Amino acid sequence: MGDIIQREAIYLWYYISVLFKQIAPYWATGILLGSVISVFGKNRIHSLFTT
């Protein structure tokens, strides 16, 4: 029983680490771009919708 739990824990650790390695760069880029756009493009975005 302990062997099965250990195998499942290793599988989950591997799955989560691979998933994080694949998604993390895109997630960080999205956060960075969203912050830059919201800070520097706020007035332009608002003017597009108010005119």
C-alpha atoms as a PDB file:
ATOM      1  CA  MET A   1       0.000   0.000   0.000  1.00  0.00           C
ATOM      2  CA  GLY A   2       2.814   2.387   0.859  1.00  0.00           C
ATOM      3  CA  ASP A   3       4.471   1.587  -2.460  1.00  0.00           C
ATOM      4  CA  ILE A   4       1.335   2.611  -4.367  1.00  0.00           C
ATOM      5  CA  ILE A   5       1.068   5.895  -2.467  1.00  0.00           C
ATOM      6  CA  GLN A   6       4.744   6.620  -3.106  1.00  0.00           C
ATOM      7  CA  ARG A   7       4.330   5.948  -6.847  1.00  0.00           C
ATOM      8  CA  GLU A   8       1.260   8.182  -7.009  1.00  0.00           C
ATOM      9  CA  ALA A   9       3.077  10.956  -5.132  1.00  0.00           C
ATOM     10  CA  ILE A  10       6.015  10.760  -7.541  1.00  0.00           C
ATOM     11  CA  TYR A  11       3.640  10.796 -10.516  1.00  0.00           C
ATOM     12  CA  LEU A  12       1.758  13.819  -9.197  1.00  0.00           C
ATOM     13  CA  TRP A  13       5.011  15.644  -8.407  1.00  0.00           C
ATOM     14  CA  TYR A  14       6.335  14.972 -11.915  1.00  0.00           C
ATOM     15  CA  TYR A  15       3.038  15.967 -13.559  1.00  0.00           C
ATOM     16  CA  ILE A  16       2.780  19.234 -11.619  1.00  0.00           C
ATOM     17  CA  SER A  17       6.433  20.142 -12.184  1.00  0.00           C
ATOM     18  CA  VAL A  18       6.211  19.567 -15.950  1.00  0.00           C
ATOM     19  CA  LEU A  19       2.939  21.478 -16.128  1.00  0.00           C
ATOM     20  CA  PHE A  20       4.431  24.383 -14.185  1.00  0.00           C
ATOM     21  CA  LYS A  21       7.556  24.465 -16.371  1.00  0.00           C
ATOM     22  CA  GLN A  22       5.415  24.636 -19.508  1.00  0.00           C
ATOM     23  CA  ILE A  23       2.903  27.211 -18.276  1.00  0.00           C
ATOM     24  CA  ALA A  24       5.008  29.472 -16.033  1.00  0.00           C
ATOM     25  CA  PRO A  25       6.741  31.505 -18.796  1.00  0.00           C
ATOM     26  CA  TYR A  26       3.435  32.280 -20.533  1.00  0.00           C
ATOM     27  CA  TRP A  27       1.731  33.084 -17.238  1.00  0.00           C
ATOM     28  CA  ALA A  28       4.509  35.480 -16.195  1.00  0.00           C
ATOM     29  CA  THR A  29       4.518  37.123 -19.641  1.00  0.00           C
ATOM     30  CA  GLY A  30       0.754  37.593 -19.454  1.00  0.00           C
ATOM     31  CA  ILE A  31       0.956  39.187 -16.024  1.00  0.00           C
ATOM     32  CA  LEU A  32       3.755  41.497 -17.147  1.00  0.00           C
ATOM     33  CA  LEU A  33       2.008  42.529 -20.379  1.00  0.00           C
ATOM     34  CA  GLY A  34      -1.299  43.031 -18.594  1.00  0.00           C
ATOM     35  CA  SER A  35       0.328  45.261 -16.005  1.00  0.00           C
ATOM     36  CA  VAL A  36       2.167  47.331 -18.623  1.00  0.00           C
ATOM     37  CA  ILE A  37      -0.975  47.744 -20.726  1.00  0.00           C
ATOM     38  CA  SER A  38      -3.137  48.681 -17.756  1.00  0.00           C
ATOM     39  CA  VAL A  39      -0.629  51.246 -16.481  1.00  0.00           C
ATOM     40  CA  PHE A  40       0.502  52.868 -19.709  1.00  0.00           C
ATOM     41  CA  GLY A  41      -2.513  52.277 -21.951  1.00  0.00           C
ATOM     42  CA  LYS A  42      -5.299  53.090 -19.512  1.00  0.00           C
ATOM     43  CA  ASN A  43      -6.108  56.524 -20.926  1.00  0.00           C
ATOM     44  CA  ARG A  44      -6.026  55.330 -24.527  1.00  0.00           C
ATOM     45  CA  ILE A  45      -8.295  52.378 -23.759  1.00  0.00           C
ATOM     46  CA  HIS A  46     -10.762  54.595 -21.911  1.00  0.00           C
ATOM     47  CA  SER A  47     -10.791  57.116 -24.753  1.00  0.00           C
ATOM     48  CA  LEU A  48     -11.599  54.371 -27.274  1.00  0.00           C
ATOM     49  CA  PHE A  49     -14.748  53.405 -25.385  1.00  0.00           C
ATOM     50  CA  THR A  50     -15.963  56.872 -24.391  1.00  0.00           C
ATOM     51  CA  THR A  51     -15.943  58.532 -27.815  1.00  0.00           C
END
